[in-house]
Amino acid sequence: MSCGLRDVLWFESQDRPAVLLASAAFEAAATRQAAALGQPEVRRVLVAHPIADRTDEEMHELARQALADVVAAISLKDQTTVSTIAATVAASHEKEGRR
């Protein structure tokens, strides 16, 4: 998480909009670290967890679903937390009997 967040902060310091894209499992860690680095409102988009056991097709679907949030976040003038898609995907997987 720290490298991704630090990369986002570096790009932002160069007046280049950036968005942290991470698994929802790391939301608390990202929030704490962003606050510790003095940027509590860093733009971020969170996707459903877990990631490691997903198929390529599932990863492509997560990317497709996250794209609108990433574009919205990068388009915002001020840094802000973007709503996540994690709950929607998690509910879908729960219906299908997956984690």
N, C-alpha and C. Protein backbone atom coordinates (compact mmCIF):
# COMPACT_ATOMS: atom_id res chain seq x y z
N MET A 1 0.82 -1.18 0.00
CA MET A 1 0.00 0.00 0.00
C MET A 1 0.86 1.25 0.00
N SER A 2 1.94 1.24 0.76
CA SER A 2 2.69 2.48 0.93
C SER A 2 3.28 2.98 -0.39
N CYS A 3 3.77 2.08 -1.23
CA CYS A 3 4.33 2.54 -2.51
C CYS A 3 3.25 3.15 -3.39
N GLY A 4 2.12 2.49 -3.49
CA GLY A 4 1.03 3.02 -4.31
C GLY A 4 0.56 4.37 -3.82
N LEU A 5 0.40 4.51 -2.53
CA LEU A 5 -0.06 5.78 -1.97
C LEU A 5 1.00 6.86 -2.16
N ARG A 6 2.24 6.52 -1.93
CA ARG A 6 3.31 7.51 -2.12
C ARG A 6 3.42 7.92 -3.59
N ASP A 7 3.21 6.98 -4.49
CA ASP A 7 3.21 7.33 -5.92
C ASP A 7 2.09 8.32 -6.23
N VAL A 8 0.89 8.07 -5.70
CA VAL A 8 -0.23 8.99 -5.91
C VAL A 8 0.12 10.38 -5.39
N LEU A 9 0.68 10.43 -4.19
CA LEU A 9 1.03 11.72 -3.60
C LEU A 9 2.11 12.42 -4.41
N TRP A 10 3.07 11.67 -4.95
CA TRP A 10 4.11 12.29 -5.78
C TRP A 10 3.49 12.89 -7.04
N PHE A 11 2.65 12.12 -7.73
CA PHE A 11 2.01 12.65 -8.94
C PHE A 11 1.19 13.89 -8.60
N GLU A 12 0.44 13.85 -7.52
CA GLU A 12 -0.35 15.01 -7.12
C GLU A 12 0.56 16.22 -6.86
N SER A 13 1.74 15.99 -6.26
CA SER A 13 2.66 17.09 -5.99
C SER A 13 3.21 17.71 -7.27
N GLN A 14 3.13 16.96 -8.37
CA GLN A 14 3.57 17.43 -9.68
C GLN A 14 2.41 17.99 -10.49
N ASP A 15 1.29 18.25 -9.82
CA ASP A 15 0.06 18.73 -10.46
C ASP A 15 -0.46 17.78 -11.52
N ARG A 16 -0.29 16.50 -11.27
CA ARG A 16 -0.83 15.45 -12.14
C ARG A 16 -1.83 14.65 -11.32
N PRO A 17 -3.08 14.69 -11.69
CA PRO A 17 -4.09 13.96 -10.91
C PRO A 17 -3.78 12.47 -10.87
N ALA A 18 -3.98 11.88 -9.71
CA ALA A 18 -3.72 10.45 -9.53
C ALA A 18 -4.76 9.88 -8.58
N VAL A 19 -4.98 8.58 -8.68
CA VAL A 19 -5.96 7.89 -7.85
C VAL A 19 -5.34 6.60 -7.33
N LEU A 20 -5.48 6.36 -6.04
CA LEU A 20 -5.05 5.09 -5.46
C LEU A 20 -6.12 4.06 -5.77
N LEU A 21 -5.75 2.97 -6.37
CA LEU A 21 -6.65 1.86 -6.67
C LEU A 21 -6.19 0.69 -5.82
N ALA A 22 -7.06 0.24 -4.91
CA ALA A 22 -6.66 -0.80 -3.96
C ALA A 22 -7.84 -1.70 -3.62
N SER A 23 -7.51 -2.83 -3.02
CA SER A 23 -8.52 -3.75 -2.53
C SER A 23 -9.19 -3.14 -1.30
N ALA A 24 -10.48 -3.35 -1.16
CA ALA A 24 -11.24 -2.81 -0.03
C ALA A 24 -10.69 -3.29 1.31
N ALA A 25 -10.00 -4.40 1.33
CA ALA A 25 -9.43 -4.90 2.57
C ALA A 25 -8.38 -3.95 3.14
N PHE A 26 -7.85 -3.08 2.31
CA PHE A 26 -6.80 -2.16 2.74
C PHE A 26 -7.31 -0.74 2.97
N GLU A 27 -8.62 -0.58 3.04
CA GLU A 27 -9.19 0.75 3.22
C GLU A 27 -8.70 1.41 4.50
N ALA A 28 -8.75 0.71 5.61
CA ALA A 28 -8.32 1.30 6.89
C ALA A 28 -6.84 1.66 6.85
N ALA A 29 -6.02 0.77 6.29
CA ALA A 29 -4.58 1.04 6.20
C ALA A 29 -4.31 2.26 5.32
N ALA A 30 -5.02 2.37 4.21
CA ALA A 30 -4.84 3.51 3.31
C ALA A 30 -5.26 4.80 3.99
N THR A 31 -6.36 4.75 4.73
CA THR A 31 -6.84 5.92 5.44
C THR A 31 -5.84 6.38 6.49
N ARG A 32 -5.34 5.42 7.28
CA ARG A 32 -4.34 5.77 8.32
C ARG A 32 -3.08 6.33 7.70
N GLN A 33 -2.59 5.67 6.66
CA GLN A 33 -1.33 6.11 6.06
C GLN A 33 -1.48 7.47 5.38
N ALA A 34 -2.59 7.68 4.69
CA ALA A 34 -2.82 8.97 4.04
C ALA A 34 -2.86 10.09 5.09
N ALA A 35 -3.52 9.82 6.21
CA ALA A 35 -3.57 10.82 7.29
C ALA A 35 -2.18 11.08 7.85
N ALA A 36 -1.42 10.01 8.05
CA ALA A 36 -0.06 10.15 8.59
C ALA A 36 0.84 10.94 7.65
N LEU A 37 0.57 10.85 6.35
CA LEU A 37 1.36 11.58 5.36
C LEU A 37 0.79 12.98 5.08
N GLY A 38 -0.23 13.36 5.84
CA GLY A 38 -0.78 14.70 5.71
C GLY A 38 -1.74 14.89 4.56
N GLN A 39 -2.23 13.80 3.98
CA GLN A 39 -3.17 13.88 2.86
C GLN A 39 -4.37 12.96 3.09
N PRO A 40 -5.15 13.24 4.13
CA PRO A 40 -6.24 12.32 4.48
C PRO A 40 -7.32 12.17 3.41
N GLU A 41 -7.44 13.12 2.52
CA GLU A 41 -8.49 13.06 1.50
C GLU A 41 -7.96 12.64 0.13
N VAL A 42 -6.84 11.91 0.11
CA VAL A 42 -6.28 11.46 -1.16
C VAL A 42 -7.35 10.67 -1.93
N ARG A 43 -7.38 10.89 -3.23
CA ARG A 43 -8.37 10.19 -4.06
C ARG A 43 -8.07 8.70 -4.04
N ARG A 44 -9.14 7.93 -3.89
CA ARG A 44 -8.96 6.48 -3.90
C ARG A 44 -10.21 5.80 -4.42
N VAL A 45 -10.00 4.67 -5.06
CA VAL A 45 -11.09 3.80 -5.51
C VAL A 45 -10.75 2.42 -4.97
N LEU A 46 -11.71 1.81 -4.31
CA LEU A 46 -11.51 0.50 -3.72
C LEU A 46 -12.33 -0.54 -4.46
N VAL A 47 -11.74 -1.68 -4.68
CA VAL A 47 -12.44 -2.78 -5.34
C VAL A 47 -12.62 -3.91 -4.34
N ALA A 48 -13.53 -4.82 -4.67
CA ALA A 48 -13.87 -5.92 -3.77
C ALA A 48 -12.66 -6.80 -3.49
N HIS A 49 -12.62 -7.29 -2.28
CA HIS A 49 -11.59 -8.22 -1.83
C HIS A 49 -12.24 -9.59 -1.73
N PRO A 50 -11.56 -10.68 -1.95
CA PRO A 50 -10.13 -10.83 -2.22
C PRO A 50 -9.81 -10.68 -3.71
N ILE A 51 -8.54 -10.51 -3.95
CA ILE A 51 -8.04 -10.35 -5.32
C ILE A 51 -7.31 -11.62 -5.78
N ALA A 52 -6.49 -12.17 -4.92
CA ALA A 52 -5.54 -13.22 -5.29
C ALA A 52 -6.18 -14.44 -5.96
N ASP A 53 -7.38 -14.83 -5.54
CA ASP A 53 -7.96 -16.06 -6.07
C ASP A 53 -8.93 -15.84 -7.24
N ARG A 54 -8.92 -14.65 -7.78
CA ARG A 54 -9.83 -14.35 -8.89
C ARG A 54 -9.26 -14.83 -10.23
N THR A 55 -10.17 -15.20 -11.11
CA THR A 55 -9.77 -15.59 -12.46
C THR A 55 -9.46 -14.34 -13.26
N ASP A 56 -8.86 -14.52 -14.42
CA ASP A 56 -8.59 -13.37 -15.30
C ASP A 56 -9.89 -12.66 -15.66
N GLU A 57 -10.93 -13.41 -15.95
CA GLU A 57 -12.21 -12.80 -16.32
C GLU A 57 -12.78 -12.00 -15.15
N GLU A 58 -12.68 -12.52 -13.94
CA GLU A 58 -13.16 -11.77 -12.78
C GLU A 58 -12.36 -10.48 -12.58
N MET A 59 -11.07 -10.55 -12.82
CA MET A 59 -10.23 -9.34 -12.69
C MET A 59 -10.61 -8.32 -13.76
N HIS A 60 -10.88 -8.80 -14.97
CA HIS A 60 -11.31 -7.89 -16.03
C HIS A 60 -12.63 -7.22 -15.65
N GLU A 61 -13.54 -7.99 -15.06
CA GLU A 61 -14.83 -7.43 -14.65
C GLU A 61 -14.64 -6.39 -13.54
N LEU A 62 -13.79 -6.68 -12.57
CA LEU A 62 -13.50 -5.70 -11.52
C LEU A 62 -12.96 -4.41 -12.13
N ALA A 63 -12.06 -4.55 -13.09
CA ALA A 63 -11.49 -3.37 -13.75
C ALA A 63 -12.56 -2.59 -14.49
N ARG A 64 -13.42 -3.31 -15.21
CA ARG A 64 -14.51 -2.62 -15.93
C ARG A 64 -15.41 -1.87 -14.96
N GLN A 65 -15.72 -2.50 -13.84
CA GLN A 65 -16.60 -1.86 -12.86
C GLN A 65 -15.93 -0.66 -12.19
N ALA A 66 -14.64 -0.74 -11.96
CA ALA A 66 -13.92 0.34 -11.28
C ALA A 66 -13.63 1.52 -12.21
N LEU A 67 -13.63 1.29 -13.50
CA LEU A 67 -13.23 2.33 -14.45
C LEU A 67 -14.01 3.63 -14.27
N ALA A 68 -15.32 3.56 -14.14
CA ALA A 68 -16.11 4.78 -14.00
C ALA A 68 -15.72 5.55 -12.73
N ASP A 69 -15.47 4.83 -11.64
CA ASP A 69 -15.05 5.48 -10.40
C ASP A 69 -13.67 6.10 -10.54
N VAL A 70 -12.77 5.43 -11.25
CA VAL A 70 -11.42 5.97 -11.46
C VAL A 70 -11.50 7.25 -12.29
N VAL A 71 -12.27 7.21 -13.37
CA VAL A 71 -12.42 8.39 -14.22
C VAL A 71 -13.06 9.53 -13.42
N ALA A 72 -14.08 9.22 -12.62
CA ALA A 72 -14.72 10.26 -11.81
C ALA A 72 -13.73 10.85 -10.81
N ALA A 73 -12.95 10.00 -10.18
CA ALA A 73 -11.99 10.47 -9.18
C ALA A 73 -10.90 11.33 -9.82
N ILE A 74 -10.40 10.91 -10.93
CA ILE A 74 -9.31 11.64 -11.57
C ILE A 74 -9.80 12.97 -12.14
N SER A 75 -11.11 13.03 -12.41
CA SER A 75 -11.69 14.25 -12.98
C SER A 75 -12.00 15.30 -11.92
N LEU A 76 -12.04 14.91 -10.66
CA LEU A 76 -12.34 15.85 -9.59
C LEU A 76 -11.18 16.80 -9.38
N LYS A 77 -11.50 18.04 -9.16
CA LYS A 77 -10.45 19.04 -8.95
C LYS A 77 -9.77 18.85 -7.60
N ASP A 78 -10.56 18.59 -6.57
CA ASP A 78 -10.02 18.39 -5.23
C ASP A 78 -9.90 16.91 -4.94
N GLN A 79 -8.95 16.59 -4.09
CA GLN A 79 -8.81 15.19 -3.69
C GLN A 79 -10.01 14.81 -2.86
N THR A 80 -10.50 13.62 -3.08
CA THR A 80 -11.66 13.14 -2.33
C THR A 80 -11.72 11.63 -2.40
N THR A 81 -12.40 11.04 -1.46
CA THR A 81 -12.63 9.60 -1.48
C THR A 81 -13.82 9.32 -2.37
N VAL A 82 -13.66 8.43 -3.31
CA VAL A 82 -14.73 8.06 -4.23
C VAL A 82 -15.44 6.83 -3.67
N SER A 83 -16.75 6.80 -3.82
CA SER A 83 -17.50 5.64 -3.33
C SER A 83 -16.98 4.37 -3.98
N THR A 84 -17.04 3.29 -3.23
CA THR A 84 -16.48 2.04 -3.72
C THR A 84 -17.53 1.17 -4.36
N ILE A 85 -17.06 0.24 -5.13
CA ILE A 85 -17.94 -0.77 -5.73
C ILE A 85 -17.86 -2.07 -4.94
N ALA A 86 -17.09 -2.08 -3.90
CA ALA A 86 -16.84 -3.32 -3.15
C ALA A 86 -18.13 -3.96 -2.66
N ALA A 87 -19.04 -3.20 -2.10
CA ALA A 87 -20.26 -3.77 -1.54
C ALA A 87 -21.10 -4.45 -2.62
N THR A 88 -21.19 -3.85 -3.77
CA THR A 88 -21.97 -4.42 -4.87
C THR A 88 -21.37 -5.74 -5.33
N VAL A 89 -20.07 -5.75 -5.52
CA VAL A 89 -19.40 -6.97 -5.99
C VAL A 89 -19.46 -8.04 -4.91
N ALA A 90 -19.24 -7.66 -3.66
CA ALA A 90 -19.29 -8.63 -2.56
C ALA A 90 -20.67 -9.26 -2.46
N ALA A 91 -21.72 -8.45 -2.60
CA ALA A 91 -23.07 -8.98 -2.55
C ALA A 91 -23.32 -9.95 -3.70
N SER A 92 -22.81 -9.62 -4.86
CA SER A 92 -22.96 -10.49 -6.02
C SER A 92 -22.26 -11.83 -5.77
N HIS A 93 -21.06 -11.76 -5.22
CA HIS A 93 -20.31 -13.00 -4.96
C HIS A 93 -20.98 -13.81 -3.86
N GLU A 94 -21.54 -13.15 -2.88
CA GLU A 94 -22.22 -13.85 -1.81
C GLU A 94 -23.40 -14.63 -2.36
N LYS A 95 -24.14 -14.02 -3.28
CA LYS A 95 -25.27 -14.71 -3.93
C LYS A 95 -24.80 -15.95 -4.67
N GLU A 96 -23.59 -15.85 -5.25
CA GLU A 96 -23.04 -16.95 -6.05
C GLU A 96 -22.31 -17.97 -5.17
N GLY A 97 -22.23 -17.70 -3.86
CA GLY A 97 -21.56 -18.63 -2.96
C GLY A 97 -20.05 -18.50 -2.95
N ARG A 98 -19.53 -17.37 -3.46
CA ARG A 98 -18.09 -17.14 -3.44
C ARG A 98 -17.77 -16.11 -2.37
N ARG A 99 -16.47 -16.04 -1.98
CA ARG A 99 -16.05 -15.00 -1.05
C ARG A 99 -15.70 -13.78 -1.81
